[in-house]
Amino acid sequence: MRAKLDLEQLKRDMLNDCRGAYFGGGFGGAMYASFEIERAEGQELVDLAERMGYDLTPYIEEITSYF
C-alpha cells in the first residue's frame, strides 16, 4: 500500500510545535529543528517527522493499493 500525505499541513504542524517549544519553553534545539523543517520537502520531511516521533496517520489523504 501507498499513502498520499498532506505534507503542507504536516510541515505547518511541525513548525508550530517547534516554535512553541522554543518560545514557550525556551528549548533552543527546537529553533534549529524548525530550520530543518522549513528546508525539507517530500520524503525528507516524512523521514524527519518519523524521527521526531510524529504519528502520520492524521495526515493521510488517500491510500492506494497495488492490487
C-alpha atoms as a PDB file:
ATOM      1  CA  MET A   1       0.000   0.000   0.000  1.00  0.00           C
ATOM      2  CA  ARG A   2       0.982   3.565  -0.605  1.00  0.00           C
ATOM      3  CA  ALA A   3      -0.400   6.601   1.234  1.00  0.00           C
ATOM      4  CA  LYS A   4      -0.605  10.175  -0.002  1.00  0.00           C
ATOM      5  CA  LEU A   5       0.058  12.612   2.839  1.00  0.00           C
ATOM      6  CA  ASP A   6      -0.898  16.250   3.332  1.00  0.00           C
ATOM      7  CA  LEU A   7       2.707  17.439   3.541  1.00  0.00           C
ATOM      8  CA  GLU A   8       1.825  21.125   3.814  1.00  0.00           C
ATOM      9  CA  GLN A   9      -0.285  20.516   6.929  1.00  0.00           C
ATOM     10  CA  LEU A  10       2.396  18.233   8.354  1.00  0.00           C
ATOM     11  CA  LYS A  11       5.027  20.916   7.820  1.00  0.00           C
ATOM     12  CA  ARG A  12       2.811  23.623   9.402  1.00  0.00           C
ATOM     13  CA  ASP A  13       2.123  21.449  12.449  1.00  0.00           C
ATOM     14  CA  MET A  14       5.781  20.545  12.873  1.00  0.00           C
ATOM     15  CA  LEU A  15       6.841  24.189  12.628  1.00  0.00           C
ATOM     16  CA  ASN A  16       4.163  25.274  15.110  1.00  0.00           C
ATOM     17  CA  ASP A  17       5.274  22.603  17.582  1.00  0.00           C
ATOM     18  CA  CYS A  18       8.935  23.578  17.279  1.00  0.00           C
ATOM     19  CA  ARG A  19       8.274  27.281  17.597  1.00  0.00           C
ATOM     20  CA  GLY A  20       6.027  26.666  20.582  1.00  0.00           C
ATOM     21  CA  ALA A  21       8.770  24.638  22.266  1.00  0.00           C
ATOM     22  CA  TYR A  22      11.264  27.412  21.601  1.00  0.00           C
ATOM     23  CA  PHE A  23       9.199  30.450  22.534  1.00  0.00           C
ATOM     24  CA  GLY A  24       7.076  28.794  25.227  1.00  0.00           C
ATOM     25  CA  GLY A  25       9.609  26.510  26.808  1.00  0.00           C
ATOM     26  CA  GLY A  26      12.949  28.024  25.888  1.00  0.00           C
ATOM     27  CA  PHE A  27      14.160  24.856  24.144  1.00  0.00           C
ATOM     28  CA  GLY A  28      16.853  26.188  21.810  1.00  0.00           C
ATOM     29  CA  GLY A  29      17.147  22.959  19.822  1.00  0.00           C
ATOM     30  CA  ALA A  30      13.591  23.425  18.617  1.00  0.00           C
ATOM     31  CA  MET A  31      14.513  26.570  16.706  1.00  0.00           C
ATOM     32  CA  TYR A  32      17.286  24.691  14.906  1.00  0.00           C
ATOM     33  CA  ALA A  33      14.832  21.886  14.100  1.00  0.00           C
ATOM     34  CA  SER A  34      12.418  24.442  12.621  1.00  0.00           C
ATOM     35  CA  PHE A  35      15.098  25.491  10.121  1.00  0.00           C
ATOM     36  CA  GLU A  36      15.492  21.860   9.044  1.00  0.00           C
ATOM     37  CA  ILE A  37      11.728  21.502   8.679  1.00  0.00           C
ATOM     38  CA  GLU A  38      11.448  24.637   6.548  1.00  0.00           C
ATOM     39  CA  ARG A  39      14.027  23.269   4.091  1.00  0.00           C
ATOM     40  CA  ALA A  40      12.642  19.713   3.981  1.00  0.00           C
ATOM     41  CA  GLU A  41      10.443  18.552   1.096  1.00  0.00           C
ATOM     42  CA  GLY A  42       8.728  15.268   0.240  1.00  0.00           C
ATOM     43  CA  GLN A  43      10.269  12.119   1.651  1.00  0.00           C
ATOM     44  CA  GLU A  44      12.848  14.125   3.583  1.00  0.00           C
ATOM     45  CA  LEU A  45      10.027  15.820   5.527  1.00  0.00           C
ATOM     46  CA  VAL A  46       8.356  12.462   6.199  1.00  0.00           C
ATOM     47  CA  ASP A  47      11.649  10.977   7.429  1.00  0.00           C
ATOM     48  CA  LEU A  48      12.210  13.963   9.706  1.00  0.00           C
ATOM     49  CA  ALA A  49       8.661  13.694  11.092  1.00  0.00           C
ATOM     50  CA  GLU A  50       9.168   9.998  11.831  1.00  0.00           C
ATOM     51  CA  ARG A  51      12.495  10.682  13.582  1.00  0.00           C
ATOM     52  CA  MET A  52      10.748  13.336  15.680  1.00  0.00           C
ATOM     53  CA  GLY A  53       8.037  10.842  16.667  1.00  0.00           C
ATOM     54  CA  TYR A  54       5.071  12.217  14.714  1.00  0.00           C
ATOM     55  CA  ASP A  55       2.094   9.981  14.036  1.00  0.00           C
ATOM     56  CA  LEU A  56       1.493  10.398  10.307  1.00  0.00           C
ATOM     57  CA  THR A  57      -1.975   8.822  10.364  1.00  0.00           C
ATOM     58  CA  PRO A  58      -3.875  12.152  10.670  1.00  0.00           C
ATOM     59  CA  TYR A  59      -2.123  13.435   7.546  1.00  0.00           C
ATOM     60  CA  ILE A  60      -3.233  10.603   5.223  1.00  0.00           C
ATOM     61  CA  GLU A  61      -5.316  11.954   2.340  1.00  0.00           C
ATOM     62  CA  GLU A  62      -5.550   8.825   0.199  1.00  0.00           C
ATOM     63  CA  ILE A  63      -4.442   5.208   0.318  1.00  0.00           C
ATOM     64  CA  THR A  64      -3.602   3.415  -2.915  1.00  0.00           C
ATOM     65  CA  SER A  65      -3.376  -0.346  -3.242  1.00  0.00           C
ATOM     66  CA  TYR A  66      -1.034  -2.093  -5.646  1.00  0.00           C
ATOM     67  CA  PHE A  67      -3.519  -4.920  -6.254  1.00  0.00           C
END
